[in-house]
PDB file of N, CA and C in Angstrom:
ATOM      1  N   UNK A   1       0.844  -1.171   0.000  1.00  0.00           N
ATOM      2  CA  UNK A   1       0.000   0.000   0.000  1.00  0.00           C
ATOM      3  C   UNK A   1       0.893   1.238   0.000  1.00  0.00           C
ATOM      4  N   UNK A   2       0.599   2.136  -0.921  1.00  0.00           N
ATOM      5  CA  UNK A   2       1.392   3.355  -1.028  1.00  0.00           C
ATOM      6  C   UNK A   2       0.980   4.349   0.054  1.00  0.00           C
ATOM      7  N   UNK A   3       1.950   5.121   0.549  1.00  0.00           N
ATOM      8  CA  UNK A   3       1.574   6.165   1.507  1.00  0.00           C
ATOM      9  C   UNK A   3       0.810   7.282   0.803  1.00  0.00           C
ATOM     10  N   UNK A   4      -0.100   7.887   1.517  1.00  0.00           N
ATOM     11  CA  UNK A   4      -0.893   8.986   0.957  1.00  0.00           C
ATOM     12  C   UNK A   4      -0.039  10.245   0.913  1.00  0.00           C
ATOM     13  N   UNK A   5      -0.168  11.045  -0.147  1.00  0.00           N
ATOM     14  CA  UNK A   5       0.559  12.310  -0.197  1.00  0.00           C
ATOM     15  C   UNK A   5       0.106  13.249   0.928  1.00  0.00           C
ATOM     16  N   UNK A   6       1.061  13.997   1.453  1.00  0.00           N
ATOM     17  CA  UNK A   6       0.771  14.892   2.567  1.00  0.00           C
ATOM     18  C   UNK A   6      -0.251  15.954   2.160  1.00  0.00           C
ATOM     19  N   UNK A   7      -0.166  16.463   0.940  1.00  0.00           N
ATOM     20  CA  UNK A   7      -1.107  17.475   0.472  1.00  0.00           C
ATOM     21  C   UNK A   7      -2.531  16.957   0.432  1.00  0.00           C
ATOM     22  N   UNK A   8      -2.678  15.685   0.087  1.00  0.00           N
ATOM     23  CA  UNK A   8      -4.010  15.086   0.031  1.00  0.00           C
ATOM     24  C   UNK A   8      -4.614  14.948   1.426  1.00  0.00           C
ATOM     25  N   UNK A   9      -3.790  14.598   2.388  1.00  0.00           N
ATOM     26  CA  UNK A   9      -4.259  14.484   3.774  1.00  0.00           C
ATOM     27  C   UNK A   9      -4.650  15.858   4.309  1.00  0.00           C
ATOM     28  N   UNK A  10      -3.829  16.868   4.031  1.00  0.00           N
ATOM     29  CA  UNK A  10      -4.142  18.225   4.489  1.00  0.00           C
ATOM     30  C   UNK A  10      -5.420  18.734   3.830  1.00  0.00           C
ATOM     31  N   UNK A  11      -5.583  18.475   2.528  1.00  0.00           N
ATOM     32  CA  UNK A  11      -6.799  18.903   1.828  1.00  0.00           C
ATOM     33  C   UNK A  11      -8.030  18.195   2.399  1.00  0.00           C
ATOM     34  N   UNK A  12      -7.892  16.939   2.779  1.00  0.00           N
ATOM     35  CA  UNK A  12      -9.012  16.210   3.382  1.00  0.00           C
ATOM     36  C   UNK A  12      -9.399  16.813   4.730  1.00  0.00           C
ATOM     37  N   UNK A  13      -8.409  17.155   5.517  1.00  0.00           N
ATOM     38  CA  UNK A  13      -8.684  17.739   6.827  1.00  0.00           C
ATOM     39  C   UNK A  13      -9.336  19.109   6.678  1.00  0.00           C
ATOM     40  N   UNK A  14      -8.815  19.933   5.768  1.00  0.00           N
ATOM     41  CA  UNK A  14      -9.378  21.270   5.557  1.00  0.00           C
ATOM     42  C   UNK A  14     -10.813  21.171   5.043  1.00  0.00           C
ATOM     43  N   UNK A  15     -11.069  20.266   4.098  1.00  0.00           N
ATOM     44  CA  UNK A  15     -12.425  20.103   3.575  1.00  0.00           C
ATOM     45  C   UNK A  15     -13.385  19.616   4.651  1.00  0.00           C
ATOM     46  N   UNK A  16     -12.937  18.688   5.471  1.00  0.00           N
ATOM     47  CA  UNK A  16     -13.768  18.213   6.566  1.00  0.00           C
ATOM     48  C   UNK A  16     -14.081  19.315   7.569  1.00  0.00           C
ATOM     49  N   UNK A  17     -13.073  20.150   7.866  1.00  0.00           N
ATOM     50  CA  UNK A  17     -13.309  21.270   8.779  1.00  0.00           C
ATOM     51  C   UNK A  17     -14.256  22.298   8.170  1.00  0.00           C
ATOM     52  N   UNK A  18     -14.174  22.499   6.848  1.00  0.00           N
ATOM     53  CA  UNK A  18     -15.105  23.406   6.186  1.00  0.00           C
ATOM     54  C   UNK A  18     -16.539  22.902   6.311  1.00  0.00           C
ATOM     55  N   UNK A  19     -16.732  21.616   6.121  1.00  0.00           N
ATOM     56  CA  UNK A  19     -18.079  21.046   6.246  1.00  0.00           C
ATOM     57  C   UNK A  19     -18.594  21.221   7.675  1.00  0.00           C
ATOM     58  N   UNK A  20     -17.769  20.873   8.656  1.00  0.00           N
ATOM     59  CA  UNK A  20     -18.203  21.000  10.051  1.00  0.00           C
ATOM     60  C   UNK A  20     -18.438  22.456  10.437  1.00  0.00           C
ATOM     61  N   UNK A  21     -17.575  23.353   9.990  1.00  0.00           N
ATOM     62  CA  UNK A  21     -17.753  24.772  10.288  1.00  0.00           C
ATOM     63  C   UNK A  21     -18.997  25.345   9.641  1.00  0.00           C
ATOM     64  N   UNK A  22     -19.269  24.941   8.395  1.00  0.00           N
ATOM     65  CA  UNK A  22     -20.473  25.411   7.717  1.00  0.00           C
ATOM     66  C   UNK A  22     -21.739  24.941   8.392  1.00  0.00           C
ATOM     67  N   UNK A  23     -21.747  23.685   8.808  1.00  0.00           N
ATOM     68  CA  UNK A  23     -22.924  23.146   9.501  1.00  0.00           C
ATOM     69  C   UNK A  23     -23.101  23.848  10.849  1.00  0.00           C
ATOM     70  N   UNK A  24     -22.005  24.063  11.567  1.00  0.00           N
ATOM     71  CA  UNK A  24     -22.094  24.743  12.862  1.00  0.00           C
ATOM     72  C   UNK A  24     -22.586  26.181  12.701  1.00  0.00           C
ATOM     73  N   UNK A  25     -22.097  26.873  11.669  1.00  0.00           N
ATOM     74  CA  UNK A  25     -22.527  28.248  11.431  1.00  0.00           C
ATOM     75  C   UNK A  25     -24.004  28.301  11.057  1.00  0.00           C
ATOM     76  N   UNK A  26     -24.447  27.344  10.252  1.00  0.00           N
ATOM     77  CA  UNK A  26     -25.861  27.313   9.879  1.00  0.00           C
ATOM     78  C   UNK A  26     -26.747  27.040  11.088  1.00  0.00           C
ATOM     79  N   UNK A  27     -26.341  26.102  11.925  1.00  0.00           N
ATOM     80  CA  UNK A  27     -27.146  25.767  13.102  1.00  0.00           C
ATOM     81  C   UNK A  27     -27.165  26.925  14.098  1.00  0.00           C
ATOM     82  N   UNK A  28     -26.025  27.591  14.256  1.00  0.00           N
ATOM     83  CA  UNK A  28     -25.957  28.701  15.215  1.00  0.00           C
ATOM     84  C   UNK A  28     -26.815  29.882  14.770  1.00  0.00           C
ATOM     85  N   UNK A  29     -26.979  30.068  13.465  1.00  0.00           N
ATOM     86  CA  UNK A  29     -27.726  31.215  12.951  1.00  0.00           C
ATOM     87  C   UNK A  29     -28.999  30.799  12.221  1.00  0.00           C
ATOM     88  N   UNK A  30     -29.561  29.675  12.591  1.00  0.00           N
ATOM     89  CA  UNK A  30     -30.752  29.213  11.892  1.00  0.00           C
ATOM     90  C   UNK A  30     -31.920  30.148  12.161  1.00  0.00           C
ATOM     91  N   UNK A  31     -32.707  30.421  11.128  1.00  0.00           N
ATOM     92  CA  UNK A  31     -33.842  31.333  11.299  1.00  0.00           C
ATOM     93  C   UNK A  31     -34.925  30.700  12.172  1.00  0.00           C
ATOM     94  N   UNK A  32     -35.547  31.532  12.971  1.00  0.00           N
ATOM     95  CA  UNK A  32     -36.570  31.013  13.883  1.00  0.00           C
ATOM     96  C   UNK A  32     -37.942  31.620  13.639  1.00  0.00           C
ATOM     97  N   UNK A  33     -38.028  32.630  12.788  1.00  0.00           N
ATOM     98  CA  UNK A  33     -39.330  33.255  12.562  1.00  0.00           C
ATOM     99  C   UNK A  33     -39.683  33.213  11.084  1.00  0.00           C
ATOM    100  N   UNK A  34     -40.935  33.438  10.796  1.00  0.00           N
ATOM    101  CA  UNK A  34     -41.389  33.449   9.409  1.00  0.00           C
ATOM    102  C   UNK A  34     -41.247  34.846   8.826  1.00  0.00           C
ATOM    103  N   UNK A  35     -41.369  34.929   7.524  1.00  0.00           N
ATOM    104  CA  UNK A  35     -41.227  36.213   6.837  1.00  0.00           C
ATOM    105  C   UNK A  35     -42.420  37.111   7.126  1.00  0.00           C
ATOM    106  N   UNK A  36     -42.152  38.386   7.261  1.00  0.00           N
ATOM    107  CA  UNK A  36     -43.227  39.341   7.504  1.00  0.00           C
ATOM    108  C   UNK A  36     -43.440  40.239   6.287  1.00  0.00           C
ATOM    109  N   UNK A  37     -42.975  39.800   5.140  1.00  0.00           N
ATOM    110  CA  UNK A  37     -43.112  40.584   3.916  1.00  0.00           C
ATOM    111  C   UNK A  37     -43.427  39.640   2.767  1.00  0.00           C
ATOM    112  N   UNK A  38     -43.707  40.203   1.639  1.00  0.00           N
ATOM    113  CA  UNK A  38     -43.980  39.385   0.458  1.00  0.00           C
ATOM    114  C   UNK A  38     -45.472  39.276   0.183  1.00  0.00           C
ATOM    115  N   UNK A  39     -45.853  38.289  -0.590  1.00  0.00           N
ATOM    116  CA  UNK A  39     -47.225  38.132  -1.041  1.00  0.00           C
ATOM    117  C   UNK A  39     -48.198  37.996   0.126  1.00  0.00           C
ATOM    118  N   UNK A  40     -47.825  37.248   1.152  1.00  0.00           N
ATOM    119  CA  UNK A  40     -48.747  36.992   2.249  1.00  0.00           C
ATOM    120  C   UNK A  40     -48.807  38.143   3.252  1.00  0.00           C
ATOM    121  N   UNK A  41     -47.987  39.178   3.060  1.00  0.00           N
ATOM    122  CA  UNK A  41     -48.097  40.368   3.902  1.00  0.00           C
ATOM    123  C   UNK A  41     -49.146  41.322   3.361  1.00  0.00           C
ATOM    124  N   UNK A  42     -49.668  41.057   2.167  1.00  0.00           N
ATOM    125  CA  UNK A  42     -50.742  41.866   1.590  1.00  0.00           C
ATOM    126  C   UNK A  42     -51.964  41.711   2.484  1.00  0.00           C
ATOM    127  N   UNK A  43     -52.544  42.820   2.901  1.00  0.00           N
ATOM    128  CA  UNK A  43     -53.538  42.811   3.965  1.00  0.00           C
ATOM    129  C   UNK A  43     -54.730  41.867   3.732  1.00  0.00           C
ATOM    130  N   UNK A  44     -55.366  41.823   2.556  1.00  0.00           N
ATOM    131  CA  UNK A  44     -56.499  40.902   2.427  1.00  0.00           C
ATOM    132  C   UNK A  44     -56.104  39.422   2.526  1.00  0.00           C
ATOM    133  N   UNK A  45     -54.843  39.113   2.275  1.00  0.00           N
ATOM    134  CA  UNK A  45     -54.414  37.719   2.345  1.00  0.00           C
ATOM    135  C   UNK A  45     -53.688  37.389   3.642  1.00  0.00           C
ATOM    136  N   UNK A  46     -53.723  38.287   4.620  1.00  0.00           N
ATOM    137  CA  UNK A  46     -52.942  38.062   5.830  1.00  0.00           C
ATOM    138  C   UNK A  46     -53.663  37.201   6.860  1.00  0.00           C
ATOM    139  N   UNK A  47     -54.845  36.738   6.541  1.00  0.00           N
ATOM    140  CA  UNK A  47     -55.580  35.894   7.478  1.00  0.00           C
ATOM    141  C   UNK A  47     -54.937  34.523   7.615  1.00  0.00           C
ATOM    142  N   UNK A  48     -55.331  33.813   8.662  1.00  0.00           N
ATOM    143  CA  UNK A  48     -54.755  32.507   8.940  1.00  0.00           C
ATOM    144  C   UNK A  48     -55.072  31.495   7.838  1.00  0.00           C
ATOM    145  N   UNK A  49     -56.184  31.700   7.121  1.00  0.00           N
ATOM    146  CA  UNK A  49     -56.566  30.753   6.072  1.00  0.00           C
ATOM    147  C   UNK A  49     -55.625  30.822   4.877  1.00  0.00           C
ATOM    148  N   UNK A  50     -54.977  31.954   4.669  1.00  0.00           N
ATOM    149  CA  UNK A  50     -54.118  32.118   3.504  1.00  0.00           C
ATOM    150  C   UNK A  50     -52.629  32.096   3.831  1.00  0.00           C
ATOM    151  N   UNK A  51     -52.266  32.153   5.080  1.00  0.00           N
ATOM    152  CA  UNK A  51     -50.852  32.203   5.451  1.00  0.00           C
ATOM    153  C   UNK A  51     -50.318  30.792   5.627  1.00  0.00           C
ATOM    154  N   UNK A  52     -49.299  30.405   4.853  1.00  0.00           N
ATOM    155  CA  UNK A  52     -48.825  29.033   4.932  1.00  0.00           C
ATOM    156  C   UNK A  52     -48.064  28.731   6.213  1.00  0.00           C
ATOM    157  N   UNK A  53     -47.381  29.702   6.789  1.00  0.00           N
ATOM    158  CA  UNK A  53     -46.674  29.476   8.045  1.00  0.00           C
ATOM    159  C   UNK A  53     -45.337  28.764   7.899  1.00  0.00           C
ATOM    160  N   UNK A  54     -44.945  28.441   6.693  1.00  0.00           N
ATOM    161  CA  UNK A  54     -43.687  27.726   6.534  1.00  0.00           C
ATOM    162  C   UNK A  54     -42.658  28.514   5.728  1.00  0.00           C
ATOM    163  N   UNK A  55     -42.930  29.741   5.405  1.00  0.00           N
ATOM    164  CA  UNK A  55     -41.995  30.563   4.654  1.00  0.00           C
ATOM    165  C   UNK A  55     -40.956  31.114   5.613  1.00  0.00           C
ATOM    166  N   UNK A  56     -39.721  30.662   5.483  1.00  0.00           N
ATOM    167  CA  UNK A  56     -38.646  31.087   6.367  1.00  0.00           C
ATOM    168  C   UNK A  56     -37.584  31.773   5.535  1.00  0.00           C
ATOM    169  N   UNK A  57     -37.159  32.922   5.979  1.00  0.00           N
ATOM    170  CA  UNK A  57     -36.137  33.690   5.284  1.00  0.00           C
ATOM    171  C   UNK A  57     -34.781  33.365   5.902  1.00  0.00           C
ATOM    172  N   UNK A  58     -33.824  33.013   5.056  1.00  0.00           N
ATOM    173  CA  UNK A  58     -32.481  32.734   5.550  1.00  0.00           C
ATOM    174  C   UNK A  58     -31.764  34.034   5.869  1.00  0.00           C
ATOM    175  N   UNK A  59     -31.062  34.035   6.970  1.00  0.00           N
ATOM    176  CA  UNK A  59     -30.240  35.189   7.300  1.00  0.00           C
ATOM    177  C   UNK A  59     -28.912  35.072   6.562  1.00  0.00           C
ATOM    178  N   UNK A  60     -28.186  36.170   6.486  1.00  0.00           N
ATOM    179  CA  UNK A  60     -26.919  36.148   5.758  1.00  0.00           C
ATOM    180  C   UNK A  60     -25.907  35.181   6.389  1.00  0.00           C
ATOM    181  N   UNK A  61     -25.737  35.129   7.703  1.00  0.00           N
ATOM    182  CA  UNK A  61     -24.786  34.158   8.261  1.00  0.00           C
ATOM    183  C   UNK A  61     -25.173  32.704   7.995  1.00  0.00           C
ATOM    184  N   UNK A  62     -26.467  32.395   7.988  1.00  0.00           N
ATOM    185  CA  UNK A  62     -26.852  31.017   7.706  1.00  0.00           C
ATOM    186  C   UNK A  62     -26.616  30.674   6.236  1.00  0.00           C
ATOM    187  N   UNK A  63     -26.802  31.647   5.339  1.00  0.00           N
ATOM    188  CA  UNK A  63     -26.500  31.408   3.920  1.00  0.00           C
ATOM    189  C   UNK A  63     -24.997  31.222   3.712  1.00  0.00           C
ATOM    190  N   UNK A  64     -24.190  31.972   4.444  1.00  0.00           N
ATOM    191  CA  UNK A  64     -22.733  31.800   4.366  1.00  0.00           C
ATOM    192  C   UNK A  64     -22.348  30.425   4.904  1.00  0.00           C
ATOM    193  N   UNK A  65     -23.002  29.981   5.972  1.00  0.00           N
ATOM    194  CA  UNK A  65     -22.747  28.645   6.509  1.00  0.00           C
ATOM    195  C   UNK A  65     -23.066  27.558   5.503  1.00  0.00           C
ATOM    196  N   UNK A  66     -24.156  27.719   4.772  1.00  0.00           N
ATOM    197  CA  UNK A  66     -24.504  26.750   3.730  1.00  0.00           C
ATOM    198  C   UNK A  66     -23.440  26.749   2.636  1.00  0.00           C
ATOM    199  N   UNK A  67     -22.995  27.938   2.231  1.00  0.00           N
ATOM    200  CA  UNK A  67     -21.983  28.036   1.174  1.00  0.00           C
ATOM    201  C   UNK A  67     -20.660  27.400   1.612  1.00  0.00           C
ATOM    202  N   UNK A  68     -20.264  27.623   2.856  1.00  0.00           N
ATOM    203  CA  UNK A  68     -19.018  27.031   3.352  1.00  0.00           C
ATOM    204  C   UNK A  68     -19.142  25.511   3.414  1.00  0.00           C
ATOM    205  N   UNK A  69     -20.273  25.025   3.894  1.00  0.00           N
ATOM    206  CA  UNK A  69     -20.485  23.577   3.953  1.00  0.00           C
ATOM    207  C   UNK A  69     -20.481  22.932   2.580  1.00  0.00           C
ATOM    208  N   UNK A  70     -21.101  23.591   1.604  1.00  0.00           N
ATOM    209  CA  UNK A  70     -21.109  23.055   0.235  1.00  0.00           C
ATOM    210  C   UNK A  70     -19.705  23.061  -0.355  1.00  0.00           C
ATOM    211  N   UNK A  71     -18.923  24.110  -0.070  1.00  0.00           N
ATOM    212  CA  UNK A  71     -17.540  24.152  -0.562  1.00  0.00           C
ATOM    213  C   UNK A  71     -16.730  23.000   0.027  1.00  0.00           C
ATOM    214  N   UNK A  72     -16.942  22.701   1.296  1.00  0.00           N
ATOM    215  CA  UNK A  72     -16.261  21.565   1.914  1.00  0.00           C
ATOM    216  C   UNK A  72     -16.687  20.237   1.311  1.00  0.00           C
ATOM    217  N   UNK A  73     -17.976  20.096   1.024  1.00  0.00           N
ATOM    218  CA  UNK A  73     -18.460  18.859   0.393  1.00  0.00           C
ATOM    219  C   UNK A  73     -17.896  18.686  -1.011  1.00  0.00           C
ATOM    220  N   UNK A  74     -17.803  19.786  -1.745  1.00  0.00           N
ATOM    221  CA  UNK A  74     -17.200  19.710  -3.084  1.00  0.00           C
ATOM    222  C   UNK A  74     -15.738  19.292  -2.975  1.00  0.00           C
ATOM    223  N   UNK A  75     -15.027  19.853  -2.000  1.00  0.00           N
ATOM    224  CA  UNK A  75     -13.634  19.468  -1.794  1.00  0.00           C
ATOM    225  C   UNK A  75     -13.492  18.000  -1.452  1.00  0.00           C
ATOM    226  N   UNK A  76     -14.344  17.496  -0.579  1.00  0.00           N
ATOM    227  CA  UNK A  76     -14.296  16.073  -0.243  1.00  0.00           C
ATOM    228  C   UNK A  76     -14.641  15.208  -1.453  1.00  0.00           C
ATOM    229  N   UNK A  77     -15.566  15.671  -2.291  1.00  0.00           N
ATOM    230  CA  UNK A  77     -15.906  14.929  -3.504  1.00  0.00           C
ATOM    231  C   UNK A  77     -14.754  14.882  -4.484  1.00  0.00           C
ATOM    232  N   UNK A  78     -14.042  15.992  -4.615  1.00  0.00           N
ATOM    233  CA  UNK A  78     -12.873  16.018  -5.508  1.00  0.00           C
ATOM    234  C   UNK A  78     -11.795  15.074  -4.995  1.00  0.00           C
ATOM    235  N   UNK A  79     -11.566  15.073  -3.706  1.00  0.00           N
ATOM    236  CA  UNK A  79     -10.546  14.190  -3.128  1.00  0.00           C
ATOM    237  C   UNK A  79     -10.946  12.729  -3.306  1.00  0.00           C
ATOM    238  N   UNK A  80     -12.210  12.409  -3.059  1.00  0.00           N
ATOM    239  CA  UNK A  80     -12.674  11.027  -3.237  1.00  0.00           C
ATOM    240  C   UNK A  80     -12.562  10.599  -4.698  1.00  0.00           C
ATOM    241  N   UNK A  81     -12.921  11.494  -5.621  1.00  0.00           N
ATOM    242  CA  UNK A  81     -12.794  11.169  -7.038  1.00  0.00           C
ATOM    243  C   UNK A  81     -11.352  10.964  -7.446  1.00  0.00           C
ATOM    244  N   UNK A  82     -10.450  11.767  -6.902  1.00  0.00           N
ATOM    245  CA  UNK A  82      -9.031  11.602  -7.207  1.00  0.00           C
ATOM    246  C   UNK A  82      -8.517  10.266  -6.700  1.00  0.00           C
ATOM    247  N   UNK A  83      -8.901   9.911  -5.470  1.00  0.00           N
ATOM    248  CA  UNK A  83      -8.429   8.638  -4.910  1.00  0.00           C
ATOM    249  C   UNK A  83      -9.008   7.443  -5.660  1.00  0.00           C
ATOM    250  N   UNK A  84     -10.254   7.541  -6.073  1.00  0.00           N
ATOM    251  CA  UNK A  84     -10.865   6.431  -6.809  1.00  0.00           C
ATOM    252  C   UNK A  84     -10.361   6.335  -8.240  1.00  0.00           C
ATOM    253  N   UNK A  85      -9.967   7.463  -8.814  1.00  0.00           N
ATOM    254  CA  UNK A  85      -9.576   7.468 -10.219  1.00  0.00           C
ATOM    255  C   UNK A  85      -8.098   7.281 -10.484  1.00  0.00           C
ATOM    256  N   UNK A  86      -7.296   7.199  -9.433  1.00  0.00           N
ATOM    257  CA  UNK A  86      -5.847   7.001  -9.644  1.00  0.00           C
ATOM    258  C   UNK A  86      -5.599   5.641 -10.270  1.00  0.00           C
ATOM    259  N   UNK A  87      -4.699   5.636 -11.206  1.00  0.00           N
ATOM    260  CA  UNK A  87      -4.317   4.354 -11.818  1.00  0.00           C
ATOM    261  C   UNK A  87      -3.246   3.702 -10.983  1.00  0.00           C
ATOM    262  N   UNK A  88      -3.398   2.402 -10.791  1.00  0.00           N
ATOM    263  CA  UNK A  88      -2.404   1.631 -10.062  1.00  0.00           C
ATOM    264  C   UNK A  88      -1.477   0.956 -11.072  1.00  0.00           C
ATOM    265  N   UNK A  89      -0.214   0.788 -10.718  1.00  0.00           N
ATOM    266  CA  UNK A  89       0.697   0.117 -11.651  1.00  0.00           C
ATOM    267  C   UNK A  89       0.230  -1.317 -11.931  1.00  0.00           C
ATOM    268  N   UNK A  90       0.378  -1.739 -13.170  1.00  0.00           N
ATOM    269  CA  UNK A  90      -0.041  -3.092 -13.559  1.00  0.00           C
ATOM    270  C   UNK A  90       0.925  -4.104 -12.937  1.00  0.00           C
ATOM    271  N   UNK A  91       0.353  -5.158 -12.389  1.00  0.00           N
ATOM    272  CA  UNK A  91       1.162  -6.217 -11.810  1.00  0.00           C
ATOM    273  C   UNK A  91       1.385  -6.070 -10.313  1.00  0.00           C
ATOM    274  N   UNK A  92       0.774  -5.131  -9.705  1.00  0.00           N
ATOM    275  CA  UNK A  92       0.928  -4.974  -8.247  1.00  0.00           C
ATOM    276  C   UNK A  92      -0.367  -5.109  -7.550  1.00  0.00           C
TER     277      UNK A  92
END
């Protein structure tokens, strides 16, 4: 078994930390209230019969957390694809 390149190990650790940091940032800044603007803020439609109650607006820190987590997942996918796609010498 060949030793793993140091750069690949470091990239794996950084990508994993990006995923964990993005998830932590999203959870720490998760929205807790519904939107108070938009179509359902129009007065005739503001009654309980027309308000869905599930429209949640993402805050900027939670959107950044999602972006960081996705960047980490892409990095882990690239590393996994590289490891799976490496050619091994014939006869070993």
